[in-house]
Amino acid sequence: MAALQLIRSPLLRTLANAGGVLLLGVGIIGVFVPGIDGTGLLIVAAYLLARSNPRLHSWLINHPRLGPPIRDYQAGLGIPARIKVIAVVSIVAAVSMTLVTQAGDWHGLALAAFASIGVAGIWFVLSRPTRQLTSRQPAEASTS
């Protein structure tokens, strides 16, 4: 993967760094909490940190447990089918619970927008290449 340039604007770099650190934290929580797609969050965190905090980005992608799925994704190897299933089921569950519990409180347009975001997330996950694991490839770190 080609190195990303640092964001020049100090304000935007600070915001990207804050977002990257926030997503890194939630992604690490997602390693342990079912239903949170830790891998996806860590991939976005790696992107933001590559543009704002090279030292933290280097730590993340070289981490023995968190780094391999990020490096695999960046190398174009795709997302393992198991992770895709977990991500889609998590999105469907979260959107469904929100729609059912908030249907009376939210305006219909807000519910439609929320459902559309869920559909976009599912489309994104399913549109990425699916990684085929072979006996010589180690299984990905469980970060979802």
C-alpha atoms as a PDB file:
ATOM      1  CA  MET A   1       0.000   0.000   0.000  1.00  0.00           C
ATOM      2  CA  ALA A   2       1.313   3.447  -0.861  1.00  0.00           C
ATOM      3  CA  ALA A   3       2.020   5.672   2.118  1.00  0.00           C
ATOM      4  CA  LEU A   4      -0.694   8.216   2.756  1.00  0.00           C
ATOM      5  CA  GLN A   5       0.301  11.843   3.119  1.00  0.00           C
ATOM      6  CA  LEU A   6      -0.224  13.573   6.421  1.00  0.00           C
ATOM      7  CA  ILE A   7      -3.103  16.008   6.544  1.00  0.00           C
ATOM      8  CA  ARG A   8      -1.634  19.511   6.305  1.00  0.00           C
ATOM      9  CA  SER A   9      -4.261  21.425   8.237  1.00  0.00           C
ATOM     10  CA  PRO A  10      -3.523  21.254  11.987  1.00  0.00           C
ATOM     11  CA  LEU A  11      -7.247  21.344  12.798  1.00  0.00           C
ATOM     12  CA  LEU A  12      -8.138  18.544  10.367  1.00  0.00           C
ATOM     13  CA  ARG A  13      -5.121  16.497  11.468  1.00  0.00           C
ATOM     14  CA  THR A  14      -6.210  16.872  15.104  1.00  0.00           C
ATOM     15  CA  LEU A  15      -9.776  15.820  14.226  1.00  0.00           C
ATOM     16  CA  ALA A  16      -8.540  12.822  12.210  1.00  0.00           C
ATOM     17  CA  ASN A  17      -6.258  11.830  15.076  1.00  0.00           C
ATOM     18  CA  ALA A  18      -9.100  12.126  17.602  1.00  0.00           C
ATOM     19  CA  GLY A  19     -11.392  10.081  15.355  1.00  0.00           C
ATOM     20  CA  GLY A  20      -8.682   7.480  14.823  1.00  0.00           C
ATOM     21  CA  VAL A  21      -8.021   7.166  18.554  1.00  0.00           C
ATOM     22  CA  LEU A  22     -11.766   6.931  19.281  1.00  0.00           C
ATOM     23  CA  LEU A  23     -12.268   4.234  16.633  1.00  0.00           C
ATOM     24  CA  LEU A  24      -9.170   2.417  17.869  1.00  0.00           C
ATOM     25  CA  GLY A  25     -10.636   2.332  21.378  1.00  0.00           C
ATOM     26  CA  VAL A  26     -14.052   1.120  20.232  1.00  0.00           C
ATOM     27  CA  GLY A  27     -12.377  -1.364  17.864  1.00  0.00           C
ATOM     28  CA  ILE A  28     -10.366  -2.832  20.746  1.00  0.00           C
ATOM     29  CA  ILE A  29     -13.583  -3.118  22.767  1.00  0.00           C
ATOM     30  CA  GLY A  30     -15.058  -4.875  19.723  1.00  0.00           C
ATOM     31  CA  VAL A  31     -12.380  -7.558  20.039  1.00  0.00           C
ATOM     32  CA  PHE A  32     -14.035  -8.634  23.289  1.00  0.00           C
ATOM     33  CA  VAL A  33     -17.696  -7.632  22.863  1.00  0.00           C
ATOM     34  CA  PRO A  34     -19.843  -9.608  20.436  1.00  0.00           C
ATOM     35  CA  GLY A  35     -21.854  -7.468  18.044  1.00  0.00           C
ATOM     36  CA  ILE A  36     -19.235  -4.744  17.596  1.00  0.00           C
ATOM     37  CA  ASP A  37     -17.323  -5.082  14.324  1.00  0.00           C
ATOM     38  CA  GLY A  38     -13.854  -4.462  15.686  1.00  0.00           C
ATOM     39  CA  THR A  39     -12.080  -5.220  12.421  1.00  0.00           C
ATOM     40  CA  GLY A  40     -13.997  -2.627  10.414  1.00  0.00           C
ATOM     41  CA  LEU A  41     -13.472   0.015  13.058  1.00  0.00           C
ATOM     42  CA  LEU A  42      -9.759  -0.766  13.257  1.00  0.00           C
ATOM     43  CA  ILE A  43      -9.408  -0.498   9.465  1.00  0.00           C
ATOM     44  CA  VAL A  44     -10.977   2.977   9.496  1.00  0.00           C
ATOM     45  CA  ALA A  45      -8.866   3.911  12.542  1.00  0.00           C
ATOM     46  CA  ALA A  46      -5.721   2.807  10.682  1.00  0.00           C
ATOM     47  CA  TYR A  47      -6.655   5.007   7.718  1.00  0.00           C
ATOM     48  CA  LEU A  48      -7.237   8.072   9.915  1.00  0.00           C
ATOM     49  CA  LEU A  49      -4.082   7.467  11.937  1.00  0.00           C
ATOM     50  CA  ALA A  50      -1.990   7.027   8.778  1.00  0.00           C
ATOM     51  CA  ARG A  51      -3.038  10.561   7.814  1.00  0.00           C
ATOM     52  CA  SER A  52      -2.635  12.099  11.282  1.00  0.00           C
ATOM     53  CA  ASN A  53      -0.401  10.091  13.631  1.00  0.00           C
ATOM     54  CA  PRO A  54       2.221   7.893  11.908  1.00  0.00           C
ATOM     55  CA  ARG A  55       3.649   6.623  15.190  1.00  0.00           C
ATOM     56  CA  LEU A  56       0.299   5.320  16.465  1.00  0.00           C
ATOM     57  CA  HIS A  57      -0.529   3.985  12.975  1.00  0.00           C
ATOM     58  CA  SER A  58       2.744   2.034  12.943  1.00  0.00           C
ATOM     59  CA  TRP A  59       1.983   0.611  16.396  1.00  0.00           C
ATOM     60  CA  LEU A  60      -1.504  -0.460  15.266  1.00  0.00           C
ATOM     61  CA  ILE A  61      -0.544  -2.192  12.025  1.00  0.00           C
ATOM     62  CA  ASN A  62       2.455  -3.894  13.657  1.00  0.00           C
ATOM     63  CA  HIS A  63       0.488  -5.073  16.693  1.00  0.00           C
ATOM     64  CA  PRO A  64       0.638  -8.897  16.831  1.00  0.00           C
ATOM     65  CA  ARG A  65      -3.129  -9.321  17.384  1.00  0.00           C
ATOM     66  CA  LEU A  66      -4.726  -6.222  15.846  1.00  0.00           C
ATOM     67  CA  GLY A  67      -2.380  -5.726  12.899  1.00  0.00           C
ATOM     68  CA  PRO A  68      -2.834  -8.851  10.734  1.00  0.00           C
ATOM     69  CA  PRO A  69      -6.462  -8.228   9.658  1.00  0.00           C
ATOM     70  CA  ILE A  70      -5.645  -4.589   8.865  1.00  0.00           C
ATOM     71  CA  ARG A  71      -2.559  -5.525   6.834  1.00  0.00           C
ATOM     72  CA  ASP A  72      -4.525  -8.236   5.010  1.00  0.00           C
ATOM     73  CA  TYR A  73      -7.266  -5.761   4.102  1.00  0.00           C
ATOM     74  CA  GLN A  74      -4.764  -3.136   2.964  1.00  0.00           C
ATOM     75  CA  ALA A  75      -2.990  -5.759   0.830  1.00  0.00           C
ATOM     76  CA  GLY A  76      -6.259  -6.461  -0.975  1.00  0.00           C
ATOM     77  CA  LEU A  77      -6.674  -9.975   0.417  1.00  0.00           C
ATOM     78  CA  GLY A  78     -10.269  -9.216   1.306  1.00  0.00           C
ATOM     79  CA  ILE A  79     -12.412 -10.002   4.305  1.00  0.00           C
ATOM     80  CA  PRO A  80     -12.815 -13.594   5.520  1.00  0.00           C
ATOM     81  CA  ALA A  81     -16.323 -14.967   4.928  1.00  0.00           C
ATOM     82  CA  ARG A  82     -16.784 -15.584   8.673  1.00  0.00           C
ATOM     83  CA  ILE A  83     -16.130 -11.913   9.415  1.00  0.00           C
ATOM     84  CA  LYS A  84     -18.533 -10.845   6.658  1.00  0.00           C
ATOM     85  CA  VAL A  85     -21.298 -12.962   8.183  1.00  0.00           C
ATOM     86  CA  ILE A  86     -20.652 -11.537  11.656  1.00  0.00           C
ATOM     87  CA  ALA A  87     -20.640  -7.975  10.296  1.00  0.00           C
ATOM     88  CA  VAL A  88     -23.890  -8.373   8.328  1.00  0.00           C
ATOM     89  CA  VAL A  89     -25.685 -10.108  11.209  1.00  0.00           C
ATOM     90  CA  SER A  90     -24.495  -7.368  13.594  1.00  0.00           C
ATOM     91  CA  ILE A  91     -25.732  -4.603  11.274  1.00  0.00           C
ATOM     92  CA  VAL A  92     -29.106  -6.282  10.755  1.00  0.00           C
ATOM     93  CA  ALA A  93     -29.517  -6.864  14.500  1.00  0.00           C
ATOM     94  CA  ALA A  94     -28.571  -3.299  15.450  1.00  0.00           C
ATOM     95  CA  VAL A  95     -30.766  -1.679  12.805  1.00  0.00           C
ATOM     96  CA  SER A  96     -33.699  -3.992  13.567  1.00  0.00           C
ATOM     97  CA  MET A  97     -33.516  -3.358  17.312  1.00  0.00           C
ATOM     98  CA  THR A  98     -33.342   0.382  16.731  1.00  0.00           C
ATOM     99  CA  LEU A  99     -36.250   0.390  14.295  1.00  0.00           C
ATOM    100  CA  VAL A 100     -38.420  -1.733  16.610  1.00  0.00           C
ATOM    101  CA  THR A 101     -37.633   0.140  19.815  1.00  0.00           C
ATOM    102  CA  GLN A 102     -37.645   3.659  18.351  1.00  0.00           C
ATOM    103  CA  ALA A 103     -40.488   3.404  15.835  1.00  0.00           C
ATOM    104  CA  GLY A 104     -42.877   5.453  17.978  1.00  0.00           C
ATOM    105  CA  ASP A 105     -40.309   8.032  19.050  1.00  0.00           C
ATOM    106  CA  TRP A 106     -38.575   8.853  15.768  1.00  0.00           C
ATOM    107  CA  HIS A 107     -39.968  10.516  12.688  1.00  0.00           C
ATOM    108  CA  GLY A 108     -40.424   8.142   9.738  1.00  0.00           C
ATOM    109  CA  LEU A 109     -37.782   9.957   7.705  1.00  0.00           C
ATOM    110  CA  ALA A 110     -35.206   9.463  10.468  1.00  0.00           C
ATOM    111  CA  LEU A 111     -36.015   5.750  10.621  1.00  0.00           C
ATOM    112  CA  ALA A 112     -35.670   5.475   6.838  1.00  0.00           C
ATOM    113  CA  ALA A 113     -32.327   7.286   6.966  1.00  0.00           C
ATOM    114  CA  PHE A 114     -31.092   4.964   9.725  1.00  0.00           C
ATOM    115  CA  ALA A 115     -32.213   1.895   7.765  1.00  0.00           C
ATOM    116  CA  SER A 116     -30.467   3.279   4.656  1.00  0.00           C
ATOM    117  CA  ILE A 117     -27.219   3.616   6.581  1.00  0.00           C
ATOM    118  CA  GLY A 118     -27.554  -0.030   7.615  1.00  0.00           C
ATOM    119  CA  VAL A 119     -28.157  -1.086   4.006  1.00  0.00           C
ATOM    120  CA  ALA A 120     -25.111   0.923   2.910  1.00  0.00           C
ATOM    121  CA  GLY A 121     -23.004  -0.817   5.568  1.00  0.00           C
ATOM    122  CA  ILE A 122     -24.174  -4.232   4.411  1.00  0.00           C
ATOM    123  CA  TRP A 123     -23.493  -3.313   0.779  1.00  0.00           C
ATOM    124  CA  PHE A 124     -19.979  -2.150   1.686  1.00  0.00           C
ATOM    125  CA  VAL A 125     -19.139  -5.357   3.548  1.00  0.00           C
ATOM    126  CA  LEU A 126     -20.528  -7.607   0.823  1.00  0.00           C
ATOM    127  CA  SER A 127     -18.856  -5.634  -1.978  1.00  0.00           C
ATOM    128  CA  ARG A 128     -15.348  -6.210  -0.571  1.00  0.00           C
ATOM    129  CA  PRO A 129     -13.437  -9.247  -1.860  1.00  0.00           C
ATOM    130  CA  THR A 130     -13.880 -12.409   0.184  1.00  0.00           C
ATOM    131  CA  ARG A 131     -10.641 -13.816   1.509  1.00  0.00           C
ATOM    132  CA  GLN A 132     -10.167 -17.511   0.908  1.00  0.00           C
ATOM    133  CA  LEU A 133      -8.259 -19.144   3.752  1.00  0.00           C
ATOM    134  CA  THR A 134      -5.960 -22.016   2.825  1.00  0.00           C
ATOM    135  CA  SER A 135      -4.140 -24.403   5.090  1.00  0.00           C
ATOM    136  CA  ARG A 136      -0.986 -22.259   4.762  1.00  0.00           C
ATOM    137  CA  GLN A 137      -2.710 -18.989   5.723  1.00  0.00           C
ATOM    138  CA  PRO A 138      -3.215 -18.366   9.427  1.00  0.00           C
ATOM    139  CA  ALA A 139      -6.744 -17.544  10.466  1.00  0.00           C
ATOM    140  CA  GLU A 140      -7.395 -13.868  11.110  1.00  0.00           C
ATOM    141  CA  ALA A 141      -7.316 -12.429  14.595  1.00  0.00           C
ATOM    142  CA  SER A 142     -10.759 -12.468  16.136  1.00  0.00           C
ATOM    143  CA  THR A 143     -11.478  -8.737  16.069  1.00  0.00           C
ATOM    144  CA  SER A 144     -15.156  -8.622  15.443  1.00  0.00           C
END
